[in-house]
Amino acid sequence: MNVITIESDAFRQIIDKLQGLEDKFIKMKMEADTPLSERWLDNQDVMLLLKISKRTLQTYRDERKIPFSQVGNKLYYKATDIEKFLKKNYNKINNF
């Protein structure tokens, strides 16, 4: 059996990084367990999901294409509304 020794600061950094990973996994699991109908997305989430710019998302709001909720300066979107938006804009190809 090999014994490896490291400085206490290096050990603490490893423990902190592992704790950070554990926290992220717990958050991901909680998000995965949350039904789509109960999830709220912020601007960044929607922009990444739709692969659009902040300005395009603003245009969708201005044109009333995507419903949203605003708390202070922060904007939120129901995940189900984003799904409806995608389905509404779905173009089916015949014989595909």
PDB file of N, CA and C in Angstrom:
ATOM      1  N   MET A   1       0.840  -1.176   0.000  1.00  0.00           N
ATOM      2  CA  MET A   1       0.000   0.000   0.000  1.00  0.00           C
ATOM      3  C   MET A   1       0.885   1.240   0.000  1.00  0.00           C
ATOM      4  N   ASN A   2       0.578   2.186  -0.902  1.00  0.00           N
ATOM      5  CA  ASN A   2       1.335   3.432  -0.991  1.00  0.00           C
ATOM      6  C   ASN A   2       0.656   4.506  -0.160  1.00  0.00           C
ATOM      7  N   VAL A   3       1.443   5.306   0.493  1.00  0.00           N
ATOM      8  CA  VAL A   3       0.932   6.429   1.274  1.00  0.00           C
ATOM      9  C   VAL A   3       1.365   7.712   0.577  1.00  0.00           C
ATOM     10  N   ILE A   4       0.393   8.566   0.301  1.00  0.00           N
ATOM     11  CA  ILE A   4       0.680   9.833  -0.360  1.00  0.00           C
ATOM     12  C   ILE A   4       0.388  10.941   0.631  1.00  0.00           C
ATOM     13  N   THR A   5       1.316  11.859   0.763  1.00  0.00           N
ATOM     14  CA  THR A   5       1.111  12.991   1.669  1.00  0.00           C
ATOM     15  C   THR A   5       1.046  14.272   0.855  1.00  0.00           C
ATOM     16  N   ILE A   6       0.142  15.165   1.272  1.00  0.00           N
ATOM     17  CA  ILE A   6       0.043  16.475   0.633  1.00  0.00           C
ATOM     18  C   ILE A   6      -0.120  17.525   1.721  1.00  0.00           C
ATOM     19  N   GLU A   7       0.124  18.748   1.355  1.00  0.00           N
ATOM     20  CA  GLU A   7      -0.016  19.840   2.314  1.00  0.00           C
ATOM     21  C   GLU A   7      -1.485  20.019   2.659  1.00  0.00           C
ATOM     22  N   SER A   8      -1.736  20.522   3.851  1.00  0.00           N
ATOM     23  CA  SER A   8      -3.120  20.675   4.312  1.00  0.00           C
ATOM     24  C   SER A   8      -3.897  21.667   3.446  1.00  0.00           C
ATOM     25  N   ASP A   9      -3.232  22.696   2.923  1.00  0.00           N
ATOM     26  CA  ASP A   9      -3.909  23.659   2.043  1.00  0.00           C
ATOM     27  C   ASP A   9      -4.364  22.990   0.746  1.00  0.00           C
ATOM     28  N   ALA A  10      -3.514  22.160   0.183  1.00  0.00           N
ATOM     29  CA  ALA A  10      -3.871  21.445  -1.045  1.00  0.00           C
ATOM     30  C   ALA A  10      -5.026  20.483  -0.772  1.00  0.00           C
ATOM     31  N   PHE A  11      -4.990  19.819   0.378  1.00  0.00           N
ATOM     32  CA  PHE A  11      -6.073  18.909   0.751  1.00  0.00           C
ATOM     33  C   PHE A  11      -7.383  19.678   0.902  1.00  0.00           C
ATOM     34  N   ARG A  12      -7.322  20.816   1.543  1.00  0.00           N
ATOM     35  CA  ARG A  12      -8.522  21.646   1.751  1.00  0.00           C
ATOM     36  C   ARG A  12      -9.091  22.082   0.395  1.00  0.00           C
ATOM     37  N   GLN A  13      -8.242  22.444  -0.545  1.00  0.00           N
ATOM     38  CA  GLN A  13      -8.703  22.847  -1.881  1.00  0.00           C
ATOM     39  C   GLN A  13      -9.410  21.690  -2.590  1.00  0.00           C
ATOM     40  N   ILE A  14      -8.859  20.501  -2.447  1.00  0.00           N
ATOM     41  CA  ILE A  14      -9.488  19.325  -3.055  1.00  0.00           C
ATOM     42  C   ILE A  14     -10.866  19.089  -2.432  1.00  0.00           C
ATOM     43  N   ILE A  15     -10.954  19.163  -1.125  1.00  0.00           N
ATOM     44  CA  ILE A  15     -12.227  18.972  -0.423  1.00  0.00           C
ATOM     45  C   ILE A  15     -13.237  20.036  -0.857  1.00  0.00           C
ATOM     46  N   ASP A  16     -12.801  21.300  -0.969  1.00  0.00           N
ATOM     47  CA  ASP A  16     -13.701  22.383  -1.385  1.00  0.00           C
ATOM     48  C   ASP A  16     -14.227  22.158  -2.800  1.00  0.00           C
ATOM     49  N   LYS A  17     -13.363  21.708  -3.701  1.00  0.00           N
ATOM     50  CA  LYS A  17     -13.785  21.439  -5.080  1.00  0.00           C
ATOM     51  C   LYS A  17     -14.776  20.274  -5.129  1.00  0.00           C
ATOM     52  N   LEU A  18     -14.510  19.242  -4.349  1.00  0.00           N
ATOM     53  CA  LEU A  18     -15.437  18.114  -4.287  1.00  0.00           C
ATOM     54  C   LEU A  18     -16.794  18.540  -3.724  1.00  0.00           C
ATOM     55  N   GLN A  19     -16.785  19.400  -2.729  1.00  0.00           N
ATOM     56  CA  GLN A  19     -18.034  19.903  -2.150  1.00  0.00           C
ATOM     57  C   GLN A  19     -18.800  20.714  -3.189  1.00  0.00           C
ATOM     58  N   GLY A  20     -18.078  21.524  -3.970  1.00  0.00           N
ATOM     59  CA  GLY A  20     -18.707  22.296  -5.036  1.00  0.00           C
ATOM     60  C   GLY A  20     -19.353  21.397  -6.081  1.00  0.00           C
ATOM     61  N   LEU A  21     -18.662  20.320  -6.440  1.00  0.00           N
ATOM     62  CA  LEU A  21     -19.226  19.357  -7.392  1.00  0.00           C
ATOM     63  C   LEU A  21     -20.469  18.682  -6.815  1.00  0.00           C
ATOM     64  N   GLU A  22     -20.407  18.315  -5.560  1.00  0.00           N
ATOM     65  CA  GLU A  22     -21.564  17.682  -4.918  1.00  0.00           C
ATOM     66  C   GLU A  22     -22.760  18.628  -4.928  1.00  0.00           C
ATOM     67  N   ASP A  23     -22.526  19.900  -4.620  1.00  0.00           N
ATOM     68  CA  ASP A  23     -23.605  20.896  -4.626  1.00  0.00           C
ATOM     69  C   ASP A  23     -24.224  21.025  -6.011  1.00  0.00           C
ATOM     70  N   LYS A  24     -23.377  21.018  -7.052  1.00  0.00           N
ATOM     71  CA  LYS A  24     -23.883  21.119  -8.424  1.00  0.00           C
ATOM     72  C   LYS A  24     -24.709  19.889  -8.793  1.00  0.00           C
ATOM     73  N   PHE A  25     -24.259  18.715  -8.406  1.00  0.00           N
ATOM     74  CA  PHE A  25     -25.008  17.490  -8.690  1.00  0.00           C
ATOM     75  C   PHE A  25     -26.363  17.495  -7.985  1.00  0.00           C
ATOM     76  N   ILE A  26     -26.389  17.963  -6.753  1.00  0.00           N
ATOM     77  CA  ILE A  26     -27.652  18.031  -6.009  1.00  0.00           C
ATOM     78  C   ILE A  26     -28.609  18.991  -6.705  1.00  0.00           C
ATOM     79  N   LYS A  27     -28.098  20.140  -7.142  1.00  0.00           N
ATOM     80  CA  LYS A  27     -28.936  21.121  -7.844  1.00  0.00           C
ATOM     81  C   LYS A  27     -29.459  20.535  -9.158  1.00  0.00           C
ATOM     82  N   MET A  28     -28.596  19.855  -9.908  1.00  0.00           N
ATOM     83  CA  MET A  28     -29.014  19.249 -11.175  1.00  0.00           C
ATOM     84  C   MET A  28     -30.099  18.191 -10.945  1.00  0.00           C
ATOM     85  N   LYS A  29     -29.958  17.410  -9.893  1.00  0.00           N
ATOM     86  CA  LYS A  29     -30.954  16.386  -9.592  1.00  0.00           C
ATOM     87  C   LYS A  29     -32.281  17.030  -9.226  1.00  0.00           C
ATOM     88  N   MET A  30     -32.246  18.072  -8.440  1.00  0.00           N
ATOM     89  CA  MET A  30     -33.481  18.752  -8.054  1.00  0.00           C
ATOM     90  C   MET A  30     -34.169  19.340  -9.288  1.00  0.00           C
ATOM     91  N   GLU A  31     -33.391  19.930 -10.200  1.00  0.00           N
ATOM     92  CA  GLU A  31     -33.960  20.489 -11.422  1.00  0.00           C
ATOM     93  C   GLU A  31     -34.551  19.394 -12.298  1.00  0.00           C
ATOM     94  N   ALA A  32     -33.881  18.258 -12.358  1.00  0.00           N
ATOM     95  CA  ALA A  32     -34.376  17.143 -13.170  1.00  0.00           C
ATOM     96  C   ALA A  32     -35.661  16.571 -12.588  1.00  0.00           C
ATOM     97  N   ASP A  33     -35.803  16.616 -11.267  1.00  0.00           N
ATOM     98  CA  ASP A  33     -36.993  16.086 -10.609  1.00  0.00           C
ATOM     99  C   ASP A  33     -38.177  17.049 -10.680  1.00  0.00           C
ATOM    100  N   THR A  34     -37.910  18.324 -11.018  1.00  0.00           N
ATOM    101  CA  THR A  34     -38.977  19.319 -11.104  1.00  0.00           C
ATOM    102  C   THR A  34     -39.697  19.166 -12.434  1.00  0.00           C
ATOM    103  N   PRO A  35     -41.018  18.966 -12.406  1.00  0.00           N
ATOM    104  CA  PRO A  35     -41.758  18.838 -13.669  1.00  0.00           C
ATOM    105  C   PRO A  35     -41.613  20.103 -14.519  1.00  0.00           C
ATOM    106  N   LEU A  36     -41.632  19.903 -15.826  1.00  0.00           N
ATOM    107  CA  LEU A  36     -41.481  21.022 -16.750  1.00  0.00           C
ATOM    108  C   LEU A  36     -42.521  22.101 -16.487  1.00  0.00           C
ATOM    109  N   SER A  37     -43.718  21.700 -16.119  1.00  0.00           N
ATOM    110  CA  SER A  37     -44.794  22.670 -15.899  1.00  0.00           C
ATOM    111  C   SER A  37     -44.519  23.595 -14.716  1.00  0.00           C
ATOM    112  N   GLU A  38     -43.604  23.221 -13.838  1.00  0.00           N
ATOM    113  CA  GLU A  38     -43.305  24.024 -12.652  1.00  0.00           C
ATOM    114  C   GLU A  38     -41.980  24.781 -12.762  1.00  0.00           C
ATOM    115  N   ARG A  39     -41.275  24.642 -13.867  1.00  0.00           N
ATOM    116  CA  ARG A  39     -39.961  25.272 -13.993  1.00  0.00           C
ATOM    117  C   ARG A  39     -40.061  26.669 -14.575  1.00  0.00           C
ATOM    118  N   TRP A  40     -39.280  27.566 -14.043  1.00  0.00           N
ATOM    119  CA  TRP A  40     -39.164  28.934 -14.551  1.00  0.00           C
ATOM    120  C   TRP A  40     -37.744  29.130 -15.040  1.00  0.00           C
ATOM    121  N   LEU A  41     -37.604  29.784 -16.184  1.00  0.00           N
ATOM    122  CA  LEU A  41     -36.302  30.041 -16.791  1.00  0.00           C
ATOM    123  C   LEU A  41     -36.053  31.533 -16.806  1.00  0.00           C
ATOM    124  N   ASP A  42     -34.793  31.932 -16.666  1.00  0.00           N
ATOM    125  CA  ASP A  42     -34.483  33.354 -16.787  1.00  0.00           C
ATOM    126  C   ASP A  42     -33.999  33.652 -18.211  1.00  0.00           C
ATOM    127  N   ASN A  43     -33.669  34.919 -18.469  1.00  0.00           N
ATOM    128  CA  ASN A  43     -33.231  35.333 -19.809  1.00  0.00           C
ATOM    129  C   ASN A  43     -32.114  34.453 -20.334  1.00  0.00           C
ATOM    130  N   GLN A  44     -31.111  34.238 -19.513  1.00  0.00           N
ATOM    131  CA  GLN A  44     -29.934  33.473 -19.936  1.00  0.00           C
ATOM    132  C   GLN A  44     -30.323  32.051 -20.317  1.00  0.00           C
ATOM    133  N   ASP A  45     -31.174  31.433 -19.506  1.00  0.00           N
ATOM    134  CA  ASP A  45     -31.615  30.067 -19.807  1.00  0.00           C
ATOM    135  C   ASP A  45     -32.305  30.000 -21.164  1.00  0.00           C
ATOM    136  N   VAL A  46     -33.214  30.950 -21.416  1.00  0.00           N
ATOM    137  CA  VAL A  46     -33.975  30.940 -22.667  1.00  0.00           C
ATOM    138  C   VAL A  46     -33.068  31.234 -23.862  1.00  0.00           C
ATOM    139  N   MET A  47     -32.156  32.187 -23.705  1.00  0.00           N
ATOM    140  CA  MET A  47     -31.235  32.505 -24.801  1.00  0.00           C
ATOM    141  C   MET A  47     -30.383  31.296 -25.163  1.00  0.00           C
ATOM    142  N   LEU A  48     -29.899  30.572 -24.163  1.00  0.00           N
ATOM    143  CA  LEU A  48     -29.092  29.380 -24.429  1.00  0.00           C
ATOM    144  C   LEU A  48     -29.945  28.264 -25.033  1.00  0.00           C
ATOM    145  N   LEU A  49     -31.142  28.099 -24.519  1.00  0.00           N
ATOM    146  CA  LEU A  49     -32.030  27.045 -25.001  1.00  0.00           C
ATOM    147  C   LEU A  49     -32.418  27.251 -26.462  1.00  0.00           C
ATOM    148  N   LEU A  50     -32.774  28.483 -26.816  1.00  0.00           N
ATOM    149  CA  LEU A  50     -33.208  28.788 -28.176  1.00  0.00           C
ATOM    150  C   LEU A  50     -32.058  29.199 -29.091  1.00  0.00           C
ATOM    151  N   LYS A  51     -30.876  29.390 -28.491  1.00  0.00           N
ATOM    152  CA  LYS A  51     -29.696  29.848 -29.251  1.00  0.00           C
ATOM    153  C   LYS A  51     -29.998  31.155 -29.981  1.00  0.00           C
ATOM    154  N   ILE A  52     -30.484  32.127 -29.190  1.00  0.00           N
ATOM    155  CA  ILE A  52     -30.814  33.447 -29.720  1.00  0.00           C
ATOM    156  C   ILE A  52     -30.122  34.508 -28.882  1.00  0.00           C
ATOM    157  N   SER A  53     -30.080  35.723 -29.424  1.00  0.00           N
ATOM    158  CA  SER A  53     -29.457  36.834 -28.714  1.00  0.00           C
ATOM    159  C   SER A  53     -30.444  37.472 -27.744  1.00  0.00           C
ATOM    160  N   LYS A  54     -29.903  38.305 -26.888  1.00  0.00           N
ATOM    161  CA  LYS A  54     -30.735  39.044 -25.940  1.00  0.00           C
ATOM    162  C   LYS A  54     -31.723  39.934 -26.692  1.00  0.00           C
ATOM    163  N   ARG A  55     -31.268  40.534 -27.781  1.00  0.00           N
ATOM    164  CA  ARG A  55     -32.118  41.419 -28.582  1.00  0.00           C
ATOM    165  C   ARG A  55     -33.267  40.646 -29.243  1.00  0.00           C
ATOM    166  N   THR A  56     -32.986  39.449 -29.739  1.00  0.00           N
ATOM    167  CA  THR A  56     -34.040  38.637 -30.348  1.00  0.00           C
ATOM    168  C   THR A  56     -35.090  38.258 -29.304  1.00  0.00           C
ATOM    169  N   LEU A  57     -34.639  37.906 -28.112  1.00  0.00           N
ATOM    170  CA  LEU A  57     -35.582  37.580 -27.041  1.00  0.00           C
ATOM    171  C   LEU A  57     -36.432  38.794 -26.689  1.00  0.00           C
ATOM    172  N   GLN A  58     -35.815  39.972 -26.682  1.00  0.00           N
ATOM    173  CA  GLN A  58     -36.556  41.211 -26.442  1.00  0.00           C
ATOM    174  C   GLN A  58     -37.623  41.411 -27.524  1.00  0.00           C
ATOM    175  N   THR A  59     -37.269  41.143 -28.765  1.00  0.00           N
ATOM    176  CA  THR A  59     -38.218  41.266 -29.879  1.00  0.00           C
ATOM    177  C   THR A  59     -39.389  40.306 -29.693  1.00  0.00           C
ATOM    178  N   TYR A  60     -39.112  39.072 -29.297  1.00  0.00           N
ATOM    179  CA  TYR A  60     -40.182  38.102 -29.051  1.00  0.00           C
ATOM    180  C   TYR A  60     -41.123  38.601 -27.959  1.00  0.00           C
ATOM    181  N   ARG A  61     -40.575  39.235 -26.928  1.00  0.00           N
ATOM    182  CA  ARG A  61     -41.429  39.784 -25.868  1.00  0.00           C
ATOM    183  C   ARG A  61     -42.241  40.955 -26.401  1.00  0.00           C
ATOM    184  N   ASP A  62     -41.583  41.857 -27.137  1.00  0.00           N
ATOM    185  CA  ASP A  62     -42.273  43.037 -27.677  1.00  0.00           C
ATOM    186  C   ASP A  62     -43.403  42.638 -28.626  1.00  0.00           C
ATOM    187  N   GLU A  63     -43.176  41.595 -29.408  1.00  0.00           N
ATOM    188  CA  GLU A  63     -44.178  41.122 -30.367  1.00  0.00           C
ATOM    189  C   GLU A  63     -45.172  40.162 -29.725  1.00  0.00           C
ATOM    190  N   ARG A  64     -45.050  39.985 -28.405  1.00  0.00           N
ATOM    191  CA  ARG A  64     -45.947  39.138 -27.624  1.00  0.00           C
ATOM    192  C   ARG A  64     -45.965  37.693 -28.122  1.00  0.00           C
ATOM    193  N   LYS A  65     -44.800  37.217 -28.526  1.00  0.00           N
ATOM    194  CA  LYS A  65     -44.676  35.833 -28.983  1.00  0.00           C
ATOM    195  C   LYS A  65     -44.394  34.887 -27.821  1.00  0.00           C
ATOM    196  N   ILE A  66     -43.746  35.412 -26.769  1.00  0.00           N
ATOM    197  CA  ILE A  66     -43.409  34.600 -25.604  1.00  0.00           C
ATOM    198  C   ILE A  66     -43.889  35.332 -24.350  1.00  0.00           C
ATOM    199  N   PRO A  67     -44.753  34.705 -23.563  1.00  0.00           N
ATOM    200  CA  PRO A  67     -45.177  35.324 -22.299  1.00  0.00           C
ATOM    201  C   PRO A  67     -44.017  35.340 -21.302  1.00  0.00           C
ATOM    202  N   PHE A  68     -44.065  36.299 -20.398  1.00  0.00           N
ATOM    203  CA  PHE A  68     -43.000  36.399 -19.397  1.00  0.00           C
ATOM    204  C   PHE A  68     -43.547  37.032 -18.128  1.00  0.00           C
ATOM    205  N   SER A  69     -42.774  36.906 -17.083  1.00  0.00           N
ATOM    206  CA  SER A  69     -43.081  37.529 -15.802  1.00  0.00           C
ATOM    207  C   SER A  69     -41.870  38.371 -15.418  1.00  0.00           C
ATOM    208  N   GLN A  70     -42.129  39.519 -14.815  1.00  0.00           N
ATOM    209  CA  GLN A  70     -41.024  40.400 -14.437  1.00  0.00           C
ATOM    210  C   GLN A  70     -41.101  40.708 -12.953  1.00  0.00           C
ATOM    211  N   VAL A  71     -39.987  40.506 -12.277  1.00  0.00           N
ATOM    212  CA  VAL A  71     -39.848  40.846 -10.867  1.00  0.00           C
ATOM    213  C   VAL A  71     -38.672  41.803 -10.785  1.00  0.00           C
ATOM    214  N   GLY A  72     -38.971  43.068 -10.558  1.00  0.00           N
ATOM    215  CA  GLY A  72     -37.919  44.080 -10.609  1.00  0.00           C
ATOM    216  C   GLY A  72     -37.388  44.159 -12.028  1.00  0.00           C
ATOM    217  N   ASN A  73     -36.092  44.028 -12.182  1.00  0.00           N
ATOM    218  CA  ASN A  73     -35.473  44.044 -13.511  1.00  0.00           C
ATOM    219  C   ASN A  73     -35.258  42.638 -14.071  1.00  0.00           C
ATOM    220  N   LYS A  74     -35.630  41.626 -13.310  1.00  0.00           N
ATOM    221  CA  LYS A  74     -35.391  40.241 -13.708  1.00  0.00           C
ATOM    222  C   LYS A  74     -36.618  39.678 -14.428  1.00  0.00           C
ATOM    223  N   LEU A  75     -36.367  39.006 -15.555  1.00  0.00           N
ATOM    224  CA  LEU A  75     -37.431  38.423 -16.365  1.00  0.00           C
ATOM    225  C   LEU A  75     -37.409  36.905 -16.237  1.00  0.00           C
ATOM    226  N   TYR A  76     -38.608  36.313 -16.187  1.00  0.00           N
ATOM    227  CA  TYR A  76     -38.743  34.868 -16.074  1.00  0.00           C
ATOM    228  C   TYR A  76     -39.755  34.370 -17.102  1.00  0.00           C
ATOM    229  N   TYR A  77     -39.553  33.137 -17.533  1.00  0.00           N
ATOM    230  CA  TYR A  77     -40.407  32.515 -18.533  1.00  0.00           C
ATOM    231  C   TYR A  77     -40.769  31.120 -18.048  1.00  0.00           C
ATOM    232  N   LYS A  78     -42.025  30.718 -18.232  1.00  0.00           N
ATOM    233  CA  LYS A  78     -42.409  29.347 -17.906  1.00  0.00           C
ATOM    234  C   LYS A  78     -41.814  28.424 -18.964  1.00  0.00           C
ATOM    235  N   ALA A  79     -41.243  27.337 -18.517  1.00  0.00           N
ATOM    236  CA  ALA A  79     -40.654  26.372 -19.447  1.00  0.00           C
ATOM    237  C   ALA A  79     -41.712  25.842 -20.403  1.00  0.00           C
ATOM    238  N   THR A  80     -42.936  25.677 -19.916  1.00  0.00           N
ATOM    239  CA  THR A  80     -44.004  25.179 -20.784  1.00  0.00           C
ATOM    240  C   THR A  80     -44.342  26.183 -21.886  1.00  0.00           C
ATOM    241  N   ASP A  81     -44.220  27.485 -21.599  1.00  0.00           N
ATOM    242  CA  ASP A  81     -44.469  28.505 -22.625  1.00  0.00           C
ATOM    243  C   ASP A  81     -43.402  28.465 -23.708  1.00  0.00           C
ATOM    244  N   ILE A  82     -42.175  28.207 -23.327  1.00  0.00           N
ATOM    245  CA  ILE A  82     -41.098  28.090 -24.313  1.00  0.00           C
ATOM    246  C   ILE A  82     -41.335  26.855 -25.174  1.00  0.00           C
ATOM    247  N   GLU A  83     -41.777  25.776 -24.547  1.00  0.00           N
ATOM    248  CA  GLU A  83     -42.081  24.556 -25.299  1.00  0.00           C
ATOM    249  C   GLU A  83     -43.229  24.811 -26.290  1.00  0.00           C
ATOM    250  N   LYS A  84     -44.260  25.524 -25.858  1.00  0.00           N
ATOM    251  CA  LYS A  84     -45.380  25.861 -26.748  1.00  0.00           C
ATOM    252  C   LYS A  84     -44.896  26.714 -27.920  1.00  0.00           C
ATOM    253  N   PHE A  85     -44.016  27.666 -27.638  1.00  0.00           N
ATOM    254  CA  PHE A  85     -43.449  28.531 -28.678  1.00  0.00           C
ATOM    255  C   PHE A  85     -42.725  27.693 -29.732  1.00  0.00           C
ATOM    256  N   LEU A  86     -41.943  26.722 -29.284  1.00  0.00           N
ATOM    257  CA  LEU A  86     -41.220  25.860 -30.214  1.00  0.00           C
ATOM    258  C   LEU A  86     -42.183  25.003 -31.037  1.00  0.00           C
ATOM    259  N   LYS A  87     -43.185  24.451 -30.377  1.00  0.00           N
ATOM    260  CA  LYS A  87     -44.154  23.625 -31.099  1.00  0.00           C
ATOM    261  C   LYS A  87     -44.945  24.445 -32.110  1.00  0.00           C
ATOM    262  N   LYS A  88     -45.302  25.672 -31.736  1.00  0.00           N
ATOM    263  CA  LYS A  88     -46.059  26.548 -32.631  1.00  0.00           C
ATOM    264  C   LYS A  88     -45.255  26.875 -33.892  1.00  0.00           C
ATOM    265  N   ASN A  89     -43.956  26.961 -33.753  1.00  0.00           N
ATOM    266  CA  ASN A  89     -43.085  27.313 -34.864  1.00  0.00           C
ATOM    267  C   ASN A  89     -42.460  26.098 -35.544  1.00  0.00           C
ATOM    268  N   TYR A  90     -42.978  24.931 -35.223  1.00  0.00           N
ATOM    269  CA  TYR A  90     -42.473  23.687 -35.797  1.00  0.00           C
ATOM    270  C   TYR A  90     -42.984  23.559 -37.241  1.00  0.00           C
ATOM    271  N   ASN A  91     -42.093  23.289 -38.159  1.00  0.00           N
ATOM    272  CA  ASN A  91     -42.444  23.107 -39.565  1.00  0.00           C
ATOM    273  C   ASN A  91     -42.251  21.649 -39.942  1.00  0.00           C
ATOM    274  N   LYS A  92     -43.368  20.971 -40.086  1.00  0.00           N
ATOM    275  CA  LYS A  92     -43.305  19.559 -40.440  1.00  0.00           C
ATOM    276  C   LYS A  92     -43.081  19.402 -41.943  1.00  0.00           C
ATOM    277  N   ILE A  93     -42.233  18.468 -42.308  1.00  0.00           N
ATOM    278  CA  ILE A  93     -41.928  18.198 -43.699  1.00  0.00           C
ATOM    279  C   ILE A  93     -42.661  16.924 -44.095  1.00  0.00           C
ATOM    280  N   ASN A  94     -43.394  16.987 -45.172  1.00  0.00           N
ATOM    281  CA  ASN A  94     -44.128  15.807 -45.647  1.00  0.00           C
ATOM    282  C   ASN A  94     -43.157  14.742 -46.138  1.00  0.00           C
ATOM    283  N   ASN A  95     -43.549  13.493 -45.970  1.00  0.00           N
ATOM    284  CA  ASN A  95     -42.761  12.337 -46.407  1.00  0.00           C
ATOM    285  C   ASN A  95     -41.386  12.265 -45.760  1.00  0.00           C
ATOM    286  N   PHE A  96     -41.281  12.730 -44.545  1.00  0.00           N
ATOM    287  CA  PHE A  96     -39.993  12.667 -43.847  1.00  0.00           C
ATOM    288  C   PHE A  96     -40.006  11.529 -42.878  1.00  0.00           C
TER     289      PHE A  96
END
